[in-house]
Amino acid sequence: MRTFGKLTSFAQFALLMSGLLASEVAWARSAFKDRAAWADVNIDALPNEIRNRVKALQGTCGDRIAATHFFARPVSNGRFMVLHYEVLWCPKPGFVCKNDTCLHEVYKLSGRSYERVFSGFVNDEALFPGNSGLNLNLKTELQWDGKRFLPVR
């Protein structure tokens, strides 16, 4: 009977330990998932000219920057790249967001490289696909004309 009691205690102990181990693994996975969301790789994977511009902001932010995978979004089959700074980790939040607007930049693919064609503090809703590729609604709607953004008439 004593042996059965020892086996029961050992089984209970093993069950308790496996439950604790499983919860530790689940916690570690969720913590890693959160950390992976804010990663340098989301900036490092950008085209050189865009990555260099974003990395130049690191000094202004006051520390190392990181972004989620929603930071850079291609629009119009990659003709434009829109950067959404509300998902950039910056220790100085006033630098990337002010009131209800955040910094957004639009880059247009020209040949093999991207050139910045817009930079400003706007709501996410201000940027939307349009007939020419991308429209901006900044109280006055702007439309890409092939060279620059112009007011829609």
C-alpha atoms as a PDB file:
ATOM      1  CA  MET A   1       0.000   0.000   0.000  1.00  0.00           C
ATOM      2  CA  ARG A   2       2.907   2.319   0.704  1.00  0.00           C
ATOM      3  CA  THR A   3       4.275   1.741  -2.780  1.00  0.00           C
ATOM      4  CA  PHE A   4       0.904   2.661  -4.303  1.00  0.00           C
ATOM      5  CA  GLY A   5       0.860   5.869  -2.223  1.00  0.00           C
ATOM      6  CA  LYS A   6       4.374   6.766  -3.426  1.00  0.00           C
ATOM      7  CA  LEU A   7       3.383   6.079  -7.027  1.00  0.00           C
ATOM      8  CA  THR A   8       0.274   8.214  -6.637  1.00  0.00           C
ATOM      9  CA  SER A   9       2.329  11.057  -5.167  1.00  0.00           C
ATOM     10  CA  PHE A  10       4.897  10.728  -7.943  1.00  0.00           C
ATOM     11  CA  ALA A  11       2.136  10.717 -10.598  1.00  0.00           C
ATOM     12  CA  GLN A  12       0.563  13.817  -9.067  1.00  0.00           C
ATOM     13  CA  PHE A  13       3.952  15.514  -8.937  1.00  0.00           C
ATOM     14  CA  ALA A  14       4.687  14.591 -12.577  1.00  0.00           C
ATOM     15  CA  LEU A  15       1.264  15.840 -13.679  1.00  0.00           C
ATOM     16  CA  LEU A  16       1.757  19.110 -11.805  1.00  0.00           C
ATOM     17  CA  MET A  17       5.236  19.606 -13.324  1.00  0.00           C
ATOM     18  CA  SER A  18       4.023  18.877 -16.865  1.00  0.00           C
ATOM     19  CA  GLY A  19       1.196  21.416 -16.387  1.00  0.00           C
ATOM     20  CA  LEU A  20       3.666  24.043 -15.169  1.00  0.00           C
ATOM     21  CA  LEU A  21       6.028  23.292 -18.038  1.00  0.00           C
ATOM     22  CA  ALA A  22       3.207  23.588 -20.580  1.00  0.00           C
ATOM     23  CA  SER A  23       2.125  26.947 -19.170  1.00  0.00           C
ATOM     24  CA  GLU A  24       5.756  28.178 -19.231  1.00  0.00           C
ATOM     25  CA  VAL A  25       6.079  27.166 -22.895  1.00  0.00           C
ATOM     26  CA  ALA A  26       2.784  28.912 -23.751  1.00  0.00           C
ATOM     27  CA  TRP A  27       3.890  32.060 -21.913  1.00  0.00           C
ATOM     28  CA  ALA A  28       7.289  32.002 -23.638  1.00  0.00           C
ATOM     29  CA  ARG A  29       5.646  31.625 -27.045  1.00  0.00           C
ATOM     30  CA  SER A  30       3.282  34.541 -26.447  1.00  0.00           C
ATOM     31  CA  ALA A  31       6.120  36.726 -25.131  1.00  0.00           C
ATOM     32  CA  PHE A  32       8.252  35.867 -28.170  1.00  0.00           C
ATOM     33  CA  LYS A  33       5.337  36.589 -30.481  1.00  0.00           C
ATOM     34  CA  ASP A  34       4.928  40.064 -28.958  1.00  0.00           C
ATOM     35  CA  ARG A  35       8.643  40.774 -29.241  1.00  0.00           C
ATOM     36  CA  ALA A  36       8.764  39.473 -32.796  1.00  0.00           C
ATOM     37  CA  ALA A  37       6.033  41.940 -33.765  1.00  0.00           C
ATOM     38  CA  TRP A  38       8.359  44.868 -32.933  1.00  0.00           C
ATOM     39  CA  ALA A  39      11.506  43.901 -34.800  1.00  0.00           C
ATOM     40  CA  ASP A  40      14.479  45.448 -36.549  1.00  0.00           C
ATOM     41  CA  VAL A  41      13.955  43.044 -39.442  1.00  0.00           C
ATOM     42  CA  ASN A  42      10.784  44.921 -40.436  1.00  0.00           C
ATOM     43  CA  ILE A  43      12.999  47.949 -41.130  1.00  0.00           C
ATOM     44  CA  ASP A  44      16.049  46.060 -42.389  1.00  0.00           C
ATOM     45  CA  ALA A  45      13.956  44.334 -45.090  1.00  0.00           C
ATOM     46  CA  LEU A  46      13.009  47.668 -46.710  1.00  0.00           C
ATOM     47  CA  PRO A  47      14.654  48.783 -49.972  1.00  0.00           C
ATOM     48  CA  ASN A  48      17.991  50.543 -49.305  1.00  0.00           C
ATOM     49  CA  GLU A  49      16.862  54.121 -49.937  1.00  0.00           C
ATOM     50  CA  ILE A  50      13.810  53.767 -47.680  1.00  0.00           C
ATOM     51  CA  ARG A  51      15.689  51.850 -44.975  1.00  0.00           C
ATOM     52  CA  ASN A  52      18.447  54.489 -44.861  1.00  0.00           C
ATOM     53  CA  ARG A  53      15.872  57.276 -44.435  1.00  0.00           C
ATOM     54  CA  VAL A  54      14.088  55.430 -41.619  1.00  0.00           C
ATOM     55  CA  LYS A  55      17.354  54.483 -39.869  1.00  0.00           C
ATOM     56  CA  ALA A  56      18.394  58.170 -39.982  1.00  0.00           C
ATOM     57  CA  LEU A  57      15.458  58.886 -37.649  1.00  0.00           C
ATOM     58  CA  GLN A  58      16.959  56.663 -34.958  1.00  0.00           C
ATOM     59  CA  GLY A  59      18.922  59.541 -33.404  1.00  0.00           C
ATOM     60  CA  THR A  60      15.834  61.743 -33.297  1.00  0.00           C
ATOM     61  CA  CYS A  61      13.826  58.982 -31.615  1.00  0.00           C
ATOM     62  CA  GLY A  62      16.452  58.773 -28.880  1.00  0.00           C
ATOM     63  CA  ASP A  63      17.038  55.026 -28.993  1.00  0.00           C
ATOM     64  CA  ARG A  64      16.946  52.004 -31.246  1.00  0.00           C
ATOM     65  CA  ILE A  65      13.824  51.857 -33.405  1.00  0.00           C
ATOM     66  CA  ALA A  66      11.756  48.838 -34.401  1.00  0.00           C
ATOM     67  CA  ALA A  67       8.574  48.342 -36.390  1.00  0.00           C
ATOM     68  CA  THR A  68       5.762  45.868 -36.853  1.00  0.00           C
ATOM     69  CA  HIS A  69       5.266  44.113 -40.175  1.00  0.00           C
ATOM     70  CA  PHE A  70       2.487  46.638 -40.948  1.00  0.00           C
ATOM     71  CA  PHE A  71       4.976  49.547 -41.017  1.00  0.00           C
ATOM     72  CA  ALA A  72       5.612  49.494 -44.782  1.00  0.00           C
ATOM     73  CA  ARG A  73       2.742  48.607 -47.082  1.00  0.00           C
ATOM     74  CA  PRO A  74       3.002  48.387 -50.852  1.00  0.00           C
ATOM     75  CA  VAL A  75       0.153  50.002 -52.824  1.00  0.00           C
ATOM     76  CA  SER A  76      -0.803  49.672 -56.502  1.00  0.00           C
ATOM     77  CA  ASN A  77       1.170  46.500 -57.153  1.00  0.00           C
ATOM     78  CA  GLY A  78       4.276  47.924 -55.500  1.00  0.00           C
ATOM     79  CA  ARG A  79       4.351  51.190 -57.446  1.00  0.00           C
ATOM     80  CA  PHE A  80       4.092  52.988 -54.104  1.00  0.00           C
ATOM     81  CA  MET A  81       5.342  52.124 -50.625  1.00  0.00           C
ATOM     82  CA  VAL A  82       3.468  53.773 -47.730  1.00  0.00           C
ATOM     83  CA  LEU A  83       5.186  53.990 -44.341  1.00  0.00           C
ATOM     84  CA  HIS A  84       2.872  54.094 -41.310  1.00  0.00           C
ATOM     85  CA  TYR A  85       4.851  55.534 -38.414  1.00  0.00           C
ATOM     86  CA  GLU A  86       2.134  54.760 -35.866  1.00  0.00           C
ATOM     87  CA  VAL A  87       3.552  51.207 -35.843  1.00  0.00           C
ATOM     88  CA  LEU A  88       7.175  52.312 -35.422  1.00  0.00           C
ATOM     89  CA  TRP A  89       8.653  51.976 -31.938  1.00  0.00           C
ATOM     90  CA  CYS A  90      10.114  55.360 -31.029  1.00  0.00           C
ATOM     91  CA  PRO A  91      10.811  56.316 -27.385  1.00  0.00           C
ATOM     92  CA  LYS A  92       9.726  59.886 -28.223  1.00  0.00           C
ATOM     93  CA  PRO A  93       6.121  59.288 -29.334  1.00  0.00           C
ATOM     94  CA  GLY A  94       5.530  62.976 -30.091  1.00  0.00           C
ATOM     95  CA  PHE A  95       8.015  62.646 -32.917  1.00  0.00           C
ATOM     96  CA  VAL A  96       5.937  60.139 -34.897  1.00  0.00           C
ATOM     97  CA  CYS A  97       2.399  60.971 -33.736  1.00  0.00           C
ATOM     98  CA  LYS A  98       0.745  64.265 -32.780  1.00  0.00           C
ATOM     99  CA  ASN A  99      -2.837  64.544 -31.551  1.00  0.00           C
ATOM    100  CA  ASP A 100      -4.838  62.168 -33.762  1.00  0.00           C
ATOM    101  CA  THR A 101      -2.400  62.087 -36.693  1.00  0.00           C
ATOM    102  CA  CYS A 102       0.826  60.200 -37.290  1.00  0.00           C
ATOM    103  CA  LEU A 103       3.687  60.627 -39.707  1.00  0.00           C
ATOM    104  CA  HIS A 104       3.149  58.872 -43.035  1.00  0.00           C
ATOM    105  CA  GLU A 105       5.526  58.819 -45.966  1.00  0.00           C
ATOM    106  CA  VAL A 106       4.837  57.754 -49.509  1.00  0.00           C
ATOM    107  CA  TYR A 107       7.616  56.491 -51.781  1.00  0.00           C
ATOM    108  CA  LYS A 108       7.170  55.899 -55.516  1.00  0.00           C
ATOM    109  CA  LEU A 109       9.102  53.289 -57.421  1.00  0.00           C
ATOM    110  CA  SER A 110      11.158  55.036 -60.102  1.00  0.00           C
ATOM    111  CA  GLY A 111      13.138  52.576 -62.166  1.00  0.00           C
ATOM    112  CA  ARG A 112      14.877  50.367 -59.618  1.00  0.00           C
ATOM    113  CA  SER A 113      14.692  52.689 -56.611  1.00  0.00           C
ATOM    114  CA  TYR A 114      12.099  54.490 -54.529  1.00  0.00           C
ATOM    115  CA  GLU A 115      11.867  58.266 -54.168  1.00  0.00           C
ATOM    116  CA  ARG A 116       9.905  60.017 -51.436  1.00  0.00           C
ATOM    117  CA  VAL A 117       6.948  61.906 -52.880  1.00  0.00           C
ATOM    118  CA  PHE A 118       5.021  62.711 -49.674  1.00  0.00           C
ATOM    119  CA  SER A 119       5.737  63.139 -45.976  1.00  0.00           C
ATOM    120  CA  GLY A 120       3.188  64.460 -43.486  1.00  0.00           C
ATOM    121  CA  PHE A 121       1.084  63.936 -40.386  1.00  0.00           C
ATOM    122  CA  VAL A 122      -2.232  62.425 -41.506  1.00  0.00           C
ATOM    123  CA  ASN A 123      -4.808  59.882 -40.377  1.00  0.00           C
ATOM    124  CA  ASP A 124      -4.569  56.411 -41.831  1.00  0.00           C
ATOM    125  CA  GLU A 125      -7.933  57.017 -43.512  1.00  0.00           C
ATOM    126  CA  ALA A 126      -6.349  59.846 -45.526  1.00  0.00           C
ATOM    127  CA  LEU A 127      -4.458  57.326 -47.681  1.00  0.00           C
ATOM    128  CA  PHE A 128      -6.446  55.142 -50.039  1.00  0.00           C
ATOM    129  CA  PRO A 129      -6.074  53.474 -53.438  1.00  0.00           C
ATOM    130  CA  GLY A 130      -7.256  55.654 -56.301  1.00  0.00           C
ATOM    131  CA  ASN A 131      -7.535  55.591 -60.078  1.00  0.00           C
ATOM    132  CA  SER A 132      -3.899  56.568 -60.579  1.00  0.00           C
ATOM    133  CA  GLY A 133      -2.563  54.379 -57.790  1.00  0.00           C
ATOM    134  CA  LEU A 134      -2.886  56.338 -54.562  1.00  0.00           C
ATOM    135  CA  ASN A 135      -4.988  59.217 -53.266  1.00  0.00           C
ATOM    136  CA  LEU A 136      -4.443  61.389 -50.209  1.00  0.00           C
ATOM    137  CA  ASN A 137      -7.321  63.183 -48.531  1.00  0.00           C
ATOM    138  CA  LEU A 138      -5.860  66.094 -46.540  1.00  0.00           C
ATOM    139  CA  LYS A 139      -9.015  68.218 -46.243  1.00  0.00           C
ATOM    140  CA  THR A 140      -8.498  68.562 -50.002  1.00  0.00           C
ATOM    141  CA  GLU A 141      -8.137  65.275 -51.812  1.00  0.00           C
ATOM    142  CA  LEU A 142      -4.822  64.879 -53.623  1.00  0.00           C
ATOM    143  CA  GLN A 143      -4.297  62.495 -56.505  1.00  0.00           C
ATOM    144  CA  TRP A 144      -1.067  61.189 -58.007  1.00  0.00           C
ATOM    145  CA  ASP A 145      -0.718  62.568 -61.552  1.00  0.00           C
ATOM    146  CA  GLY A 146       2.325  60.528 -62.517  1.00  0.00           C
ATOM    147  CA  LYS A 147       4.829  63.080 -61.201  1.00  0.00           C
ATOM    148  CA  ARG A 148       3.356  64.550 -58.010  1.00  0.00           C
ATOM    149  CA  PHE A 149       0.207  64.805 -55.866  1.00  0.00           C
ATOM    150  CA  LEU A 150      -2.253  67.447 -57.120  1.00  0.00           C
ATOM    151  CA  PRO A 151      -5.689  68.536 -55.826  1.00  0.00           C
ATOM    152  CA  VAL A 152      -8.622  66.602 -57.278  1.00  0.00           C
ATOM    153  CA  ARG A 153     -10.987  68.962 -59.115  1.00  0.00           C
END
